[in-house]
Amino acid sequence: MTPLTELIQQIDSKQLWEREVDLQRNDYLVEKGNINTRFFFVVEGSLRIFVLDSNEENTIRFGYKGNLIAALDSFLTEKPTELYIQALKKTRLKSVTKIKLKVLIESSTANTKLWISILESFAFQQMERERDLLTSSPIERYHRVLQRSPQLFQAIPDKYIASYLRMSPETFSRIKKS
């Protein structure tokens, strides 16, 4: 069992989920400027996290069935987020507040270690992504993501994967075909 699966099972068993959220395609879960201190579990569907830079949308992360997703900047700082989280298809989520999650994490040393493990994994994933974007060719980035997250290609439309990999949809299509 992964640390993430274990945390989700604990939230389930302690009935900490507060509410369910249903989104239609293109609906926003979170928008820039809002404060959001909730963690969301994706029951079904898929979402993207993106930022706007000179009116260009840059996808930085995805969430799909079985994932936790959050506007992490706002969750951690309790200040307005710089992020958008948008449904890519009909999506159902469950949410837990930061307060309830914090109580669970601090309730035992094992839970604190579990949370640290999840954050370390997230930090490592972000470092890998940054390294890929800075040092790898588009083809190498495509192959690394395909190897790391093959389910991404079933859950997420190609144009958003292209944005995530920092390439045009046309380049992505050529690489995918080759």
N, C-alpha and C. Protein backbone atom coordinates (compact mmCIF):
# COMPACT_ATOMS: atom_id res chain seq x y z
N MET A 1 0.85 -1.18 0.00
CA MET A 1 0.00 0.00 0.00
C MET A 1 0.90 1.25 0.00
N THR A 2 0.57 2.21 -0.85
CA THR A 2 1.35 3.44 -0.92
C THR A 2 0.96 4.36 0.23
N PRO A 3 1.84 5.29 0.60
CA PRO A 3 1.48 6.25 1.64
C PRO A 3 0.20 7.03 1.31
N LEU A 4 0.02 7.37 0.05
CA LEU A 4 -1.17 8.11 -0.36
C LEU A 4 -2.43 7.27 -0.16
N THR A 5 -2.38 6.01 -0.56
CA THR A 5 -3.50 5.10 -0.37
C THR A 5 -3.82 4.93 1.11
N GLU A 6 -2.78 4.82 1.91
CA GLU A 6 -2.97 4.68 3.36
C GLU A 6 -3.65 5.91 3.95
N LEU A 7 -3.21 7.10 3.53
CA LEU A 7 -3.83 8.33 4.03
C LEU A 7 -5.30 8.39 3.62
N ILE A 8 -5.59 8.07 2.38
CA ILE A 8 -6.98 8.11 1.90
C ILE A 8 -7.84 7.12 2.69
N GLN A 9 -7.30 5.93 2.95
CA GLN A 9 -8.06 4.95 3.74
C GLN A 9 -8.33 5.45 5.15
N GLN A 10 -7.35 6.15 5.74
CA GLN A 10 -7.57 6.69 7.09
C GLN A 10 -8.65 7.78 7.07
N ILE A 11 -8.61 8.64 6.08
CA ILE A 11 -9.63 9.68 5.97
C ILE A 11 -11.01 9.02 5.79
N ASP A 12 -11.06 7.98 4.96
CA ASP A 12 -12.32 7.23 4.77
C ASP A 12 -12.80 6.63 6.08
N SER A 13 -11.90 5.90 6.76
CA SER A 13 -12.31 5.16 7.96
C SER A 13 -12.74 6.09 9.09
N LYS A 14 -12.16 7.28 9.15
CA LYS A 14 -12.52 8.24 10.19
C LYS A 14 -13.63 9.18 9.72
N GLN A 15 -14.12 8.95 8.51
CA GLN A 15 -15.22 9.72 7.93
C GLN A 15 -14.95 11.24 7.99
N LEU A 16 -13.77 11.62 7.51
CA LEU A 16 -13.37 13.02 7.55
C LEU A 16 -13.78 13.81 6.31
N TRP A 17 -14.19 13.09 5.25
CA TRP A 17 -14.64 13.82 4.05
C TRP A 17 -15.86 14.64 4.43
N GLU A 18 -15.82 15.92 4.12
CA GLU A 18 -16.91 16.81 4.52
C GLU A 18 -17.99 16.96 3.48
N ARG A 19 -17.59 17.01 2.22
CA ARG A 19 -18.60 17.20 1.19
C ARG A 19 -18.11 16.65 -0.13
N GLU A 20 -19.09 16.41 -1.02
CA GLU A 20 -18.77 15.99 -2.37
C GLU A 20 -18.99 17.18 -3.30
N VAL A 21 -18.18 17.23 -4.34
CA VAL A 21 -18.27 18.30 -5.33
C VAL A 21 -18.41 17.64 -6.69
N ASP A 22 -19.39 18.07 -7.45
CA ASP A 22 -19.59 17.59 -8.82
C ASP A 22 -19.30 18.75 -9.77
N LEU A 23 -18.44 18.48 -10.74
CA LEU A 23 -18.08 19.48 -11.73
C LEU A 23 -18.40 18.97 -13.13
N GLN A 24 -18.82 19.86 -13.97
CA GLN A 24 -18.98 19.54 -15.39
C GLN A 24 -17.68 19.91 -16.11
N ARG A 25 -17.54 19.42 -17.32
CA ARG A 25 -16.36 19.73 -18.12
C ARG A 25 -16.17 21.25 -18.19
N ASN A 26 -14.94 21.69 -17.95
CA ASN A 26 -14.51 23.09 -17.98
C ASN A 26 -14.89 23.89 -16.75
N ASP A 27 -15.65 23.32 -15.81
CA ASP A 27 -15.93 24.03 -14.55
C ASP A 27 -14.64 24.18 -13.76
N TYR A 28 -14.58 25.25 -12.97
CA TYR A 28 -13.42 25.49 -12.11
C TYR A 28 -13.71 25.02 -10.69
N LEU A 29 -12.77 24.29 -10.15
CA LEU A 29 -12.81 23.91 -8.74
C LEU A 29 -12.20 25.03 -7.91
N VAL A 30 -11.12 25.61 -8.42
CA VAL A 30 -10.40 26.70 -7.76
C VAL A 30 -10.01 27.72 -8.82
N GLU A 31 -10.09 29.00 -8.47
CA GLU A 31 -9.65 30.06 -9.38
C GLU A 31 -8.66 30.97 -8.68
N LYS A 32 -7.74 31.51 -9.46
CA LYS A 32 -6.73 32.43 -8.96
C LYS A 32 -7.40 33.52 -8.13
N GLY A 33 -6.75 33.86 -7.00
CA GLY A 33 -7.25 34.93 -6.15
C GLY A 33 -8.10 34.44 -4.98
N ASN A 34 -8.53 33.19 -5.04
CA ASN A 34 -9.34 32.63 -3.95
C ASN A 34 -8.45 31.91 -2.94
N ILE A 35 -8.92 31.83 -1.72
CA ILE A 35 -8.24 31.05 -0.69
C ILE A 35 -8.93 29.70 -0.63
N ASN A 36 -8.14 28.64 -0.73
CA ASN A 36 -8.72 27.30 -0.69
C ASN A 36 -7.84 26.41 0.17
N THR A 37 -8.35 26.03 1.32
CA THR A 37 -7.59 25.20 2.27
C THR A 37 -8.21 23.81 2.38
N ARG A 38 -8.57 23.26 1.25
CA ARG A 38 -9.14 21.91 1.20
C ARG A 38 -8.25 21.02 0.33
N PHE A 39 -8.23 19.75 0.71
CA PHE A 39 -7.65 18.72 -0.14
C PHE A 39 -8.82 17.98 -0.76
N PHE A 40 -8.69 17.63 -2.03
CA PHE A 40 -9.75 16.96 -2.76
C PHE A 40 -9.28 15.59 -3.23
N PHE A 41 -10.16 14.61 -3.10
CA PHE A 41 -9.91 13.28 -3.62
C PHE A 41 -10.75 13.11 -4.87
N VAL A 42 -10.10 12.73 -5.98
CA VAL A 42 -10.81 12.57 -7.25
C VAL A 42 -11.46 11.19 -7.28
N VAL A 43 -12.78 11.17 -7.16
CA VAL A 43 -13.54 9.92 -7.20
C VAL A 43 -13.65 9.43 -8.64
N GLU A 44 -13.95 10.36 -9.53
CA GLU A 44 -13.98 10.06 -10.96
C GLU A 44 -13.77 11.35 -11.73
N GLY A 45 -13.26 11.19 -12.96
CA GLY A 45 -13.01 12.35 -13.80
C GLY A 45 -11.55 12.74 -13.81
N SER A 46 -11.29 13.94 -14.33
CA SER A 46 -9.91 14.44 -14.39
C SER A 46 -9.91 15.96 -14.36
N LEU A 47 -8.81 16.50 -13.83
CA LEU A 47 -8.65 17.95 -13.69
C LEU A 47 -7.23 18.33 -14.07
N ARG A 48 -7.05 19.60 -14.32
CA ARG A 48 -5.70 20.12 -14.52
C ARG A 48 -5.49 21.31 -13.60
N ILE A 49 -4.26 21.48 -13.18
CA ILE A 49 -3.85 22.68 -12.44
C ILE A 49 -3.01 23.49 -13.41
N PHE A 50 -3.35 24.77 -13.55
CA PHE A 50 -2.57 25.60 -14.46
C PHE A 50 -2.43 27.01 -13.92
N VAL A 51 -1.48 27.73 -14.50
CA VAL A 51 -1.27 29.14 -14.21
C VAL A 51 -1.39 29.90 -15.52
N LEU A 52 -1.75 31.18 -15.41
CA LEU A 52 -1.80 32.05 -16.58
C LEU A 52 -0.54 32.90 -16.59
N ASP A 53 0.12 32.93 -17.74
CA ASP A 53 1.33 33.74 -17.92
C ASP A 53 1.18 34.49 -19.24
N SER A 54 0.96 35.78 -19.17
CA SER A 54 0.72 36.59 -20.37
C SER A 54 -0.38 35.99 -21.23
N ASN A 55 -1.47 35.65 -20.61
CA ASN A 55 -2.64 35.06 -21.28
C ASN A 55 -2.39 33.67 -21.86
N GLU A 56 -1.25 33.05 -21.53
CA GLU A 56 -0.98 31.68 -21.94
C GLU A 56 -1.19 30.76 -20.74
N GLU A 57 -1.95 29.69 -20.96
CA GLU A 57 -2.20 28.72 -19.90
C GLU A 57 -1.06 27.71 -19.87
N ASN A 58 -0.42 27.57 -18.71
CA ASN A 58 0.65 26.60 -18.54
C ASN A 58 0.22 25.55 -17.52
N THR A 59 -0.01 24.34 -18.01
CA THR A 59 -0.45 23.25 -17.15
C THR A 59 0.73 22.76 -16.32
N ILE A 60 0.51 22.65 -15.00
CA ILE A 60 1.61 22.24 -14.13
C ILE A 60 1.37 20.90 -13.43
N ARG A 61 0.12 20.44 -13.44
CA ARG A 61 -0.17 19.17 -12.77
C ARG A 61 -1.55 18.69 -13.18
N PHE A 62 -1.79 17.39 -13.00
CA PHE A 62 -3.08 16.80 -13.30
C PHE A 62 -3.59 16.04 -12.08
N GLY A 63 -4.87 15.84 -12.03
CA GLY A 63 -5.49 14.96 -11.04
C GLY A 63 -6.51 14.10 -11.75
N TYR A 64 -6.52 12.83 -11.46
CA TYR A 64 -7.50 11.92 -12.02
C TYR A 64 -7.85 10.88 -10.99
N LYS A 65 -8.77 9.99 -11.35
CA LYS A 65 -9.34 9.04 -10.40
C LYS A 65 -8.27 8.44 -9.48
N GLY A 66 -8.54 8.57 -8.16
CA GLY A 66 -7.64 8.01 -7.16
C GLY A 66 -6.58 8.96 -6.66
N ASN A 67 -6.51 10.18 -7.20
CA ASN A 67 -5.51 11.16 -6.78
C ASN A 67 -6.07 12.14 -5.76
N LEU A 68 -5.17 12.72 -4.99
CA LEU A 68 -5.48 13.90 -4.19
C LEU A 68 -5.01 15.10 -4.98
N ILE A 69 -5.77 16.19 -4.88
CA ILE A 69 -5.41 17.41 -5.59
C ILE A 69 -5.76 18.60 -4.71
N ALA A 70 -4.95 19.66 -4.81
CA ALA A 70 -5.18 20.87 -4.02
C ALA A 70 -4.50 22.05 -4.68
N ALA A 71 -4.97 23.22 -4.33
CA ALA A 71 -4.23 24.45 -4.65
C ALA A 71 -3.20 24.56 -3.52
N LEU A 72 -2.09 23.87 -3.69
CA LEU A 72 -1.15 23.67 -2.61
C LEU A 72 -0.60 24.99 -2.05
N ASP A 73 -0.42 26.00 -2.91
CA ASP A 73 0.08 27.28 -2.40
C ASP A 73 -0.88 27.87 -1.38
N SER A 74 -2.17 27.85 -1.68
CA SER A 74 -3.17 28.40 -0.77
C SER A 74 -3.38 27.47 0.43
N PHE A 75 -3.36 26.17 0.19
CA PHE A 75 -3.52 25.20 1.27
C PHE A 75 -2.45 25.41 2.35
N LEU A 76 -1.20 25.60 1.92
CA LEU A 76 -0.10 25.74 2.87
C LEU A 76 -0.04 27.11 3.53
N THR A 77 -0.30 28.17 2.75
CA THR A 77 -0.12 29.52 3.28
C THR A 77 -1.40 30.17 3.78
N GLU A 78 -2.54 29.62 3.39
CA GLU A 78 -3.86 30.19 3.69
C GLU A 78 -4.01 31.59 3.12
N LYS A 79 -3.35 31.81 1.99
CA LYS A 79 -3.44 33.07 1.24
C LYS A 79 -4.03 32.77 -0.13
N PRO A 80 -4.42 33.81 -0.88
CA PRO A 80 -5.00 33.57 -2.20
C PRO A 80 -4.05 32.79 -3.11
N THR A 81 -4.64 31.89 -3.88
CA THR A 81 -3.85 31.05 -4.78
C THR A 81 -3.50 31.78 -6.08
N GLU A 82 -2.45 31.32 -6.70
CA GLU A 82 -2.06 31.78 -8.04
C GLU A 82 -2.54 30.79 -9.09
N LEU A 83 -3.19 29.72 -8.65
CA LEU A 83 -3.52 28.60 -9.52
C LEU A 83 -4.99 28.55 -9.91
N TYR A 84 -5.24 27.85 -11.00
CA TYR A 84 -6.57 27.47 -11.42
C TYR A 84 -6.62 25.94 -11.41
N ILE A 85 -7.73 25.38 -10.96
CA ILE A 85 -7.96 23.95 -11.09
C ILE A 85 -9.27 23.80 -11.84
N GLN A 86 -9.19 23.13 -13.00
CA GLN A 86 -10.32 23.05 -13.91
C GLN A 86 -10.61 21.59 -14.27
N ALA A 87 -11.89 21.24 -14.29
CA ALA A 87 -12.31 19.89 -14.70
C ALA A 87 -12.12 19.74 -16.21
N LEU A 88 -11.54 18.61 -16.61
CA LEU A 88 -11.35 18.33 -18.03
C LEU A 88 -12.50 17.48 -18.58
N LYS A 89 -13.23 16.87 -17.68
CA LYS A 89 -14.44 16.13 -18.01
C LYS A 89 -15.29 16.11 -16.76
N LYS A 90 -16.46 15.52 -16.85
CA LYS A 90 -17.32 15.44 -15.68
C LYS A 90 -16.53 14.79 -14.54
N THR A 91 -16.51 15.45 -13.39
CA THR A 91 -15.64 15.04 -12.29
C THR A 91 -16.40 15.09 -10.97
N ARG A 92 -16.14 14.08 -10.15
CA ARG A 92 -16.71 14.04 -8.80
C ARG A 92 -15.55 13.94 -7.82
N LEU A 93 -15.61 14.78 -6.77
CA LEU A 93 -14.56 14.84 -5.77
C LEU A 93 -15.15 14.80 -4.37
N LYS A 94 -14.33 14.39 -3.41
CA LYS A 94 -14.65 14.52 -2.00
C LYS A 94 -13.59 15.43 -1.41
N SER A 95 -13.96 16.23 -0.39
CA SER A 95 -12.99 17.16 0.18
C SER A 95 -12.86 17.00 1.69
N VAL A 96 -11.66 17.35 2.15
CA VAL A 96 -11.36 17.39 3.58
C VAL A 96 -10.68 18.73 3.84
N THR A 97 -11.01 19.35 4.97
CA THR A 97 -10.40 20.64 5.30
C THR A 97 -8.99 20.46 5.84
N LYS A 98 -8.23 21.52 5.76
CA LYS A 98 -6.88 21.52 6.30
C LYS A 98 -6.91 21.22 7.80
N ILE A 99 -7.86 21.78 8.49
CA ILE A 99 -7.95 21.58 9.95
C ILE A 99 -8.13 20.10 10.28
N LYS A 100 -9.07 19.44 9.61
CA LYS A 100 -9.31 18.02 9.89
C LYS A 100 -8.12 17.16 9.47
N LEU A 101 -7.52 17.51 8.35
CA LEU A 101 -6.35 16.75 7.89
C LEU A 101 -5.19 16.93 8.86
N LYS A 102 -5.00 18.15 9.34
CA LYS A 102 -3.92 18.43 10.29
C LYS A 102 -4.12 17.65 11.60
N VAL A 103 -5.34 17.59 12.10
CA VAL A 103 -5.63 16.82 13.32
C VAL A 103 -5.28 15.35 13.10
N LEU A 104 -5.65 14.81 11.94
CA LEU A 104 -5.33 13.42 11.62
C LEU A 104 -3.82 13.21 11.56
N ILE A 105 -3.12 14.08 10.88
CA ILE A 105 -1.66 13.96 10.72
C ILE A 105 -0.96 14.04 12.06
N GLU A 106 -1.42 14.93 12.92
CA GLU A 106 -0.76 15.12 14.21
C GLU A 106 -1.24 14.13 15.29
N SER A 107 -2.17 13.25 14.94
CA SER A 107 -2.73 12.33 15.93
C SER A 107 -1.78 11.20 16.30
N SER A 108 -0.76 10.96 15.48
CA SER A 108 0.22 9.92 15.81
C SER A 108 1.52 10.16 15.06
N THR A 109 2.58 9.61 15.59
CA THR A 109 3.89 9.69 14.92
C THR A 109 3.83 9.01 13.56
N ALA A 110 3.13 7.88 13.50
CA ALA A 110 3.01 7.15 12.23
C ALA A 110 2.32 8.02 11.17
N ASN A 111 1.28 8.74 11.55
CA ASN A 111 0.58 9.60 10.59
C ASN A 111 1.45 10.78 10.17
N THR A 112 2.24 11.30 11.10
CA THR A 112 3.15 12.39 10.75
C THR A 112 4.19 11.90 9.74
N LYS A 113 4.73 10.71 9.98
CA LYS A 113 5.70 10.12 9.04
C LYS A 113 5.06 9.86 7.69
N LEU A 114 3.83 9.41 7.70
CA LEU A 114 3.09 9.16 6.47
C LEU A 114 2.95 10.46 5.66
N TRP A 115 2.55 11.53 6.32
CA TRP A 115 2.39 12.83 5.66
C TRP A 115 3.72 13.33 5.11
N ILE A 116 4.79 13.20 5.88
CA ILE A 116 6.11 13.61 5.41
C ILE A 116 6.50 12.81 4.18
N SER A 117 6.22 11.53 4.19
CA SER A 117 6.51 10.68 3.04
C SER A 117 5.77 11.15 1.79
N ILE A 118 4.50 11.52 1.96
CA ILE A 118 3.71 12.01 0.82
C ILE A 118 4.29 13.32 0.31
N LEU A 119 4.64 14.23 1.20
CA LEU A 119 5.22 15.51 0.78
C LEU A 119 6.58 15.32 0.12
N GLU A 120 7.39 14.40 0.63
CA GLU A 120 8.69 14.12 0.01
C GLU A 120 8.51 13.57 -1.40
N SER A 121 7.55 12.70 -1.57
CA SER A 121 7.27 12.14 -2.90
C SER A 121 6.84 13.25 -3.86
N PHE A 122 5.96 14.13 -3.38
CA PHE A 122 5.51 15.24 -4.19
C PHE A 122 6.68 16.15 -4.58
N ALA A 123 7.54 16.48 -3.62
CA ALA A 123 8.71 17.33 -3.89
C ALA A 123 9.63 16.67 -4.92
N PHE A 124 9.84 15.37 -4.77
CA PHE A 124 10.70 14.66 -5.72
C PHE A 124 10.09 14.68 -7.12
N GLN A 125 8.79 14.47 -7.22
CA GLN A 125 8.12 14.52 -8.53
C GLN A 125 8.29 15.90 -9.18
N GLN A 126 8.15 16.94 -8.37
CA GLN A 126 8.31 18.29 -8.90
C GLN A 126 9.75 18.54 -9.36
N MET A 127 10.72 18.04 -8.61
CA MET A 127 12.13 18.19 -9.01
C MET A 127 12.41 17.46 -10.32
N GLU A 128 11.87 16.25 -10.46
CA GLU A 128 12.04 15.50 -11.71
C GLU A 128 11.45 16.27 -12.88
N ARG A 129 10.27 16.82 -12.67
CA ARG A 129 9.61 17.57 -13.74
C ARG A 129 10.43 18.80 -14.13
N GLU A 130 10.91 19.55 -13.14
CA GLU A 130 11.72 20.73 -13.44
C GLU A 130 12.98 20.35 -14.20
N ARG A 131 13.62 19.28 -13.77
CA ARG A 131 14.84 18.83 -14.45
C ARG A 131 14.52 18.46 -15.89
N ASP A 132 13.42 17.73 -16.10
CA ASP A 132 13.02 17.36 -17.46
C ASP A 132 12.80 18.59 -18.33
N LEU A 133 12.09 19.57 -17.79
CA LEU A 133 11.79 20.76 -18.58
C LEU A 133 13.05 21.55 -18.93
N LEU A 134 14.03 21.53 -18.03
CA LEU A 134 15.24 22.31 -18.25
C LEU A 134 16.30 21.60 -19.08
N THR A 135 16.34 20.28 -19.01
CA THR A 135 17.48 19.56 -19.61
C THR A 135 17.11 18.54 -20.67
N SER A 136 15.85 18.23 -20.85
CA SER A 136 15.47 17.16 -21.78
C SER A 136 14.82 17.72 -23.04
N SER A 137 15.00 16.98 -24.12
CA SER A 137 14.35 17.34 -25.38
C SER A 137 12.86 17.00 -25.28
N PRO A 138 12.04 17.56 -26.16
CA PRO A 138 10.61 17.21 -26.15
C PRO A 138 10.37 15.70 -26.24
N ILE A 139 11.13 15.01 -27.05
CA ILE A 139 10.96 13.55 -27.19
C ILE A 139 11.29 12.86 -25.87
N GLU A 140 12.36 13.28 -25.23
CA GLU A 140 12.74 12.68 -23.94
C GLU A 140 11.67 12.96 -22.88
N ARG A 141 11.14 14.19 -22.86
CA ARG A 141 10.09 14.52 -21.90
C ARG A 141 8.85 13.64 -22.12
N TYR A 142 8.47 13.48 -23.37
CA TYR A 142 7.33 12.63 -23.71
C TYR A 142 7.53 11.21 -23.18
N HIS A 143 8.69 10.63 -23.48
CA HIS A 143 8.95 9.25 -23.08
C HIS A 143 9.04 9.09 -21.57
N ARG A 144 9.60 10.06 -20.87
CA ARG A 144 9.68 9.97 -19.41
C ARG A 144 8.29 10.02 -18.78
N VAL A 145 7.42 10.90 -19.28
CA VAL A 145 6.06 10.98 -18.74
C VAL A 145 5.29 9.71 -19.08
N LEU A 146 5.47 9.20 -20.29
CA LEU A 146 4.81 7.96 -20.68
C LEU A 146 5.24 6.81 -19.77
N GLN A 147 6.52 6.78 -19.41
CA GLN A 147 7.04 5.73 -18.54
C GLN A 147 6.54 5.92 -17.09
N ARG A 148 6.58 7.15 -16.60
CA ARG A 148 6.19 7.44 -15.21
C ARG A 148 4.69 7.33 -14.99
N SER A 149 3.91 7.82 -15.95
CA SER A 149 2.45 7.93 -15.75
C SER A 149 1.70 7.53 -17.00
N PRO A 150 1.73 6.25 -17.38
CA PRO A 150 1.03 5.85 -18.61
C PRO A 150 -0.48 6.10 -18.55
N GLN A 151 -1.06 6.08 -17.35
CA GLN A 151 -2.50 6.31 -17.21
C GLN A 151 -2.89 7.73 -17.60
N LEU A 152 -1.94 8.64 -17.56
CA LEU A 152 -2.19 10.02 -17.95
C LEU A 152 -2.73 10.10 -19.37
N PHE A 153 -2.21 9.25 -20.25
CA PHE A 153 -2.58 9.30 -21.66
C PHE A 153 -3.99 8.78 -21.92
N GLN A 154 -4.57 8.07 -20.94
CA GLN A 154 -5.97 7.64 -21.07
C GLN A 154 -6.91 8.65 -20.41
N ALA A 155 -6.43 9.37 -19.42
CA ALA A 155 -7.30 10.24 -18.62
C ALA A 155 -7.32 11.70 -19.06
N ILE A 156 -6.30 12.13 -19.79
CA ILE A 156 -6.12 13.56 -20.08
C ILE A 156 -6.05 13.80 -21.59
N PRO A 157 -6.78 14.79 -22.11
CA PRO A 157 -6.69 15.12 -23.54
C PRO A 157 -5.28 15.58 -23.93
N ASP A 158 -4.90 15.23 -25.16
CA ASP A 158 -3.54 15.48 -25.65
C ASP A 158 -3.11 16.94 -25.55
N LYS A 159 -4.02 17.89 -25.82
CA LYS A 159 -3.59 19.30 -25.82
C LYS A 159 -3.11 19.74 -24.43
N TYR A 160 -3.66 19.15 -23.36
CA TYR A 160 -3.23 19.51 -22.02
C TYR A 160 -1.92 18.81 -21.64
N ILE A 161 -1.74 17.59 -22.15
CA ILE A 161 -0.46 16.91 -21.94
C ILE A 161 0.64 17.69 -22.66
N ALA A 162 0.35 18.17 -23.85
CA ALA A 162 1.31 18.99 -24.60
C ALA A 162 1.70 20.23 -23.79
N SER A 163 0.71 20.90 -23.21
CA SER A 163 0.98 22.07 -22.38
C SER A 163 1.85 21.71 -21.18
N TYR A 164 1.53 20.60 -20.54
CA TYR A 164 2.30 20.12 -19.40
C TYR A 164 3.75 19.85 -19.78
N LEU A 165 3.95 19.32 -20.99
CA LEU A 165 5.31 19.00 -21.47
C LEU A 165 5.99 20.20 -22.13
N ARG A 166 5.32 21.35 -22.14
CA ARG A 166 5.85 22.59 -22.72
C ARG A 166 6.21 22.41 -24.20
N MET A 167 5.22 21.93 -24.94
CA MET A 167 5.38 21.82 -26.39
C MET A 167 4.05 22.12 -27.06
N SER A 168 4.12 22.43 -28.32
CA SER A 168 2.88 22.72 -29.04
C SER A 168 2.09 21.43 -29.26
N PRO A 169 0.78 21.55 -29.42
CA PRO A 169 -0.02 20.35 -29.72
C PRO A 169 0.46 19.63 -30.99
N GLU A 170 0.97 20.40 -31.96
CA GLU A 170 1.46 19.81 -33.21
C GLU A 170 2.72 18.99 -32.96
N THR A 171 3.65 19.53 -32.18
CA THR A 171 4.87 18.79 -31.83
C THR A 171 4.51 17.53 -31.06
N PHE A 172 3.60 17.66 -30.10
CA PHE A 172 3.18 16.52 -29.30
C PHE A 172 2.60 15.43 -30.21
N SER A 173 1.75 15.82 -31.15
CA SER A 173 1.13 14.86 -32.07
C SER A 173 2.19 14.14 -32.91
N ARG A 174 3.18 14.89 -33.43
CA ARG A 174 4.24 14.27 -34.21
C ARG A 174 5.04 13.26 -33.39
N ILE A 175 5.37 13.64 -32.16
CA ILE A 175 6.14 12.76 -31.28
C ILE A 175 5.33 11.51 -30.94
N LYS A 176 4.06 11.70 -30.66
CA LYS A 176 3.20 10.58 -30.29
C LYS A 176 3.07 9.58 -31.43
N LYS A 177 3.01 10.08 -32.66
CA LYS A 177 2.88 9.20 -33.84
C LYS A 177 4.17 8.44 -34.14
N SER A 178 5.32 9.01 -33.78
CA SER A 178 6.59 8.39 -34.16
C SER A 178 7.03 7.24 -33.30
